[in-house]
Protein backbone atom coordinates (compact mmCIF):
# COMPACT_ATOMS: atom_id res chain seq x y z
CA UNK A 1 0.07 -0.10 -0.13
CA UNK A 2 1.25 3.57 -0.71
CA UNK A 3 0.32 7.21 -0.71
CA UNK A 4 0.55 9.68 -3.52
CA UNK A 5 0.81 13.14 -1.92
CA UNK A 6 -0.08 14.94 -5.09
CA UNK A 7 1.49 18.06 -6.13
CA UNK A 8 2.72 20.87 -3.97
CA UNK A 9 1.64 21.07 -0.16
CA UNK A 10 1.70 17.95 1.25
CA UNK A 11 4.42 16.52 -1.34
CA UNK A 12 6.96 18.97 0.01
CA UNK A 13 5.94 18.56 3.64
CA UNK A 14 8.75 16.35 5.35
CA UNK A 15 6.53 15.76 8.62
CA UNK A 16 3.71 14.12 6.38
CA UNK A 17 6.42 12.03 4.44
CA UNK A 18 7.74 10.84 7.66
CA UNK A 19 4.46 10.09 9.09
CA UNK A 20 3.47 7.87 6.10
CA UNK A 21 7.03 6.14 6.32
CA UNK A 22 6.53 5.45 10.01
CA UNK A 23 2.91 4.06 9.45
CA UNK A 24 4.18 1.40 7.10
CA UNK A 25 2.87 2.63 3.91
CA UNK A 26 5.02 3.63 1.04
CA UNK A 27 5.46 7.33 0.30
CA UNK A 28 5.49 7.95 -3.46
CA UNK A 29 8.26 10.83 -3.40
CA UNK A 30 11.24 11.61 -1.89
CA UNK A 31 12.35 10.28 1.51
CA UNK A 32 11.66 12.63 4.53
CA UNK A 33 15.14 13.58 5.03
CA UNK A 34 15.41 14.62 1.43
CA UNK A 35 12.36 16.66 1.54
CA UNK A 36 13.69 18.29 4.99
CA UNK A 37 17.07 18.99 3.33
CA UNK A 38 15.85 20.41 0.16
CA UNK A 39 13.17 22.49 1.90
CA UNK A 40 15.81 24.87 3.22
CA UNK A 41 17.62 26.44 0.41
CA UNK A 42 20.80 26.96 2.52
CA UNK A 43 21.20 23.24 3.16
CA UNK A 44 20.04 22.52 -0.19
CA UNK A 45 22.91 24.72 -1.67
CA UNK A 46 25.55 23.20 0.83
CA UNK A 47 24.51 19.80 -0.22
CA UNK A 48 24.92 20.69 -4.02
CA UNK A 49 28.18 22.30 -3.35
CA UNK A 50 29.45 19.05 -1.39
CA UNK A 51 28.39 17.01 -4.43
CA UNK A 52 30.49 19.22 -6.71
CA UNK A 53 27.30 20.46 -8.70
CA UNK A 54 28.06 24.16 -9.58
CA UNK A 55 25.72 26.85 -8.04
CA UNK A 56 24.97 30.47 -8.43
CA UNK A 57 28.08 32.43 -6.51
CA UNK A 58 26.92 33.97 -3.19
CA UNK A 59 27.11 33.69 0.50
CA UNK A 60 28.65 30.59 2.15
CA UNK A 61 25.72 29.40 4.02
CA UNK A 62 23.36 31.60 5.92
CA UNK A 63 24.01 35.06 5.66
CA UNK A 64 25.84 36.64 8.62
CA UNK A 65 24.28 39.04 11.12
CA UNK A 66 27.18 41.22 11.02
CA UNK A 67 26.96 44.33 8.63
CA UNK A 68 30.47 44.46 7.59
CA UNK A 69 30.13 40.76 6.82
CA UNK A 70 27.22 41.19 4.80
CA UNK A 71 28.74 44.08 2.80
CA UNK A 72 31.96 42.14 2.21
CA UNK A 73 30.05 39.21 0.96
CA UNK A 74 28.15 41.51 -1.52
CA UNK A 75 31.33 43.04 -2.66
CA UNK A 76 32.88 39.89 -3.35
CA UNK A 77 29.75 38.32 -5.27
CA UNK A 78 29.42 41.61 -7.26
CA UNK A 79 26.00 43.77 -7.61
CA UNK A 80 23.39 43.25 -8.22
CA UNK A 81 22.95 40.46 -5.69
CA UNK A 82 19.49 39.17 -4.40
CA UNK A 83 18.62 38.10 -0.81
CA UNK A 84 16.40 35.00 -0.42
CA UNK A 85 14.53 33.47 2.61
CA UNK A 86 16.13 30.02 3.26
CA UNK A 87 12.66 28.61 4.04
CA UNK A 88 11.19 30.53 1.03
CA UNK A 89 9.30 29.54 -1.93
CA UNK A 90 6.89 30.91 -4.46
CA UNK A 91 8.59 34.09 -5.03
CA UNK A 92 8.30 35.30 -1.58
CA UNK A 93 11.25 36.14 0.83
CA UNK A 94 13.22 37.84 -2.04
CA UNK A 95 14.75 41.13 -2.88
CA UNK A 96 17.08 42.36 -5.65
CA UNK A 97 20.04 44.92 -4.49
CA UNK A 98 21.76 46.90 -6.93
CA UNK A 99 23.57 49.22 -4.68
CA UNK A 100 25.64 48.85 -1.37
CA UNK A 101 23.55 51.80 -0.23
CA UNK A 102 20.51 49.54 0.06
CA UNK A 103 21.98 46.37 0.94
CA UNK A 104 21.35 46.40 4.73
CA UNK A 105 17.94 47.63 4.34
CA UNK A 106 16.99 44.79 1.89
CA UNK A 107 18.74 42.37 4.29
CA UNK A 108 16.51 43.50 7.22
CA UNK A 109 13.49 43.54 5.15
CA UNK A 110 14.10 39.98 3.83
CA UNK A 111 14.68 38.59 7.26
CA UNK A 112 11.55 40.05 8.53
CA UNK A 113 9.41 38.95 5.81
CA UNK A 114 11.01 35.52 5.81
CA UNK A 115 10.32 34.98 9.56
CA UNK A 116 6.50 36.25 8.87
CA UNK A 117 5.74 33.75 6.16
CA UNK A 118 7.98 30.93 7.04
CA UNK A 119 8.92 31.06 10.47
CA UNK A 120 12.29 31.30 9.88
CA UNK A 121 14.38 34.52 9.38
CA UNK A 122 17.33 32.92 7.88
CA UNK A 123 18.47 34.38 4.66
CA UNK A 124 21.36 34.11 2.08
CA UNK A 125 22.74 35.92 -0.86
CA UNK A 126 23.36 35.04 -4.48
CA UNK A 127 24.06 36.83 -7.62
CA UNK A 128 21.27 38.18 -9.16
CA UNK A 129 20.99 36.76 -12.61
CA UNK A 130 18.63 38.40 -15.15
CA UNK A 131 15.92 36.15 -16.80
CA UNK A 132 17.28 33.00 -15.32
CA UNK A 133 16.02 29.45 -16.67
CA UNK A 134 13.91 27.68 -13.79
CA UNK A 135 14.86 24.08 -13.58
CA UNK A 136 12.88 21.62 -11.61
């Protein structure tokens, strides 16, 4: 016996997948550990780096709370950058930053939005790419 969670919502819920696994049913989809790992964008990116998969340049893990470190990271990556919520999705919890003058405010706003929408204020930074192709 198996459970297919459909698309979105339950299919991306690690706790649901774990409960299905514990119940003795087969979960048609990734293992709960994989859903949990990939559901957090920072841990997902770290896993890709560890596996040798090329990723968009950016912060190494979660963005520091130290203003000097944030500025240093942005200078290293090069403007424009994008600040993203670690637990985000659906286009929420993202801010494009074109100048150093607006960087710290954008980080603060993104952290607040991330906490409000996802219950997790962690954010990370990447080089902003114009018109990227989305690959699932």
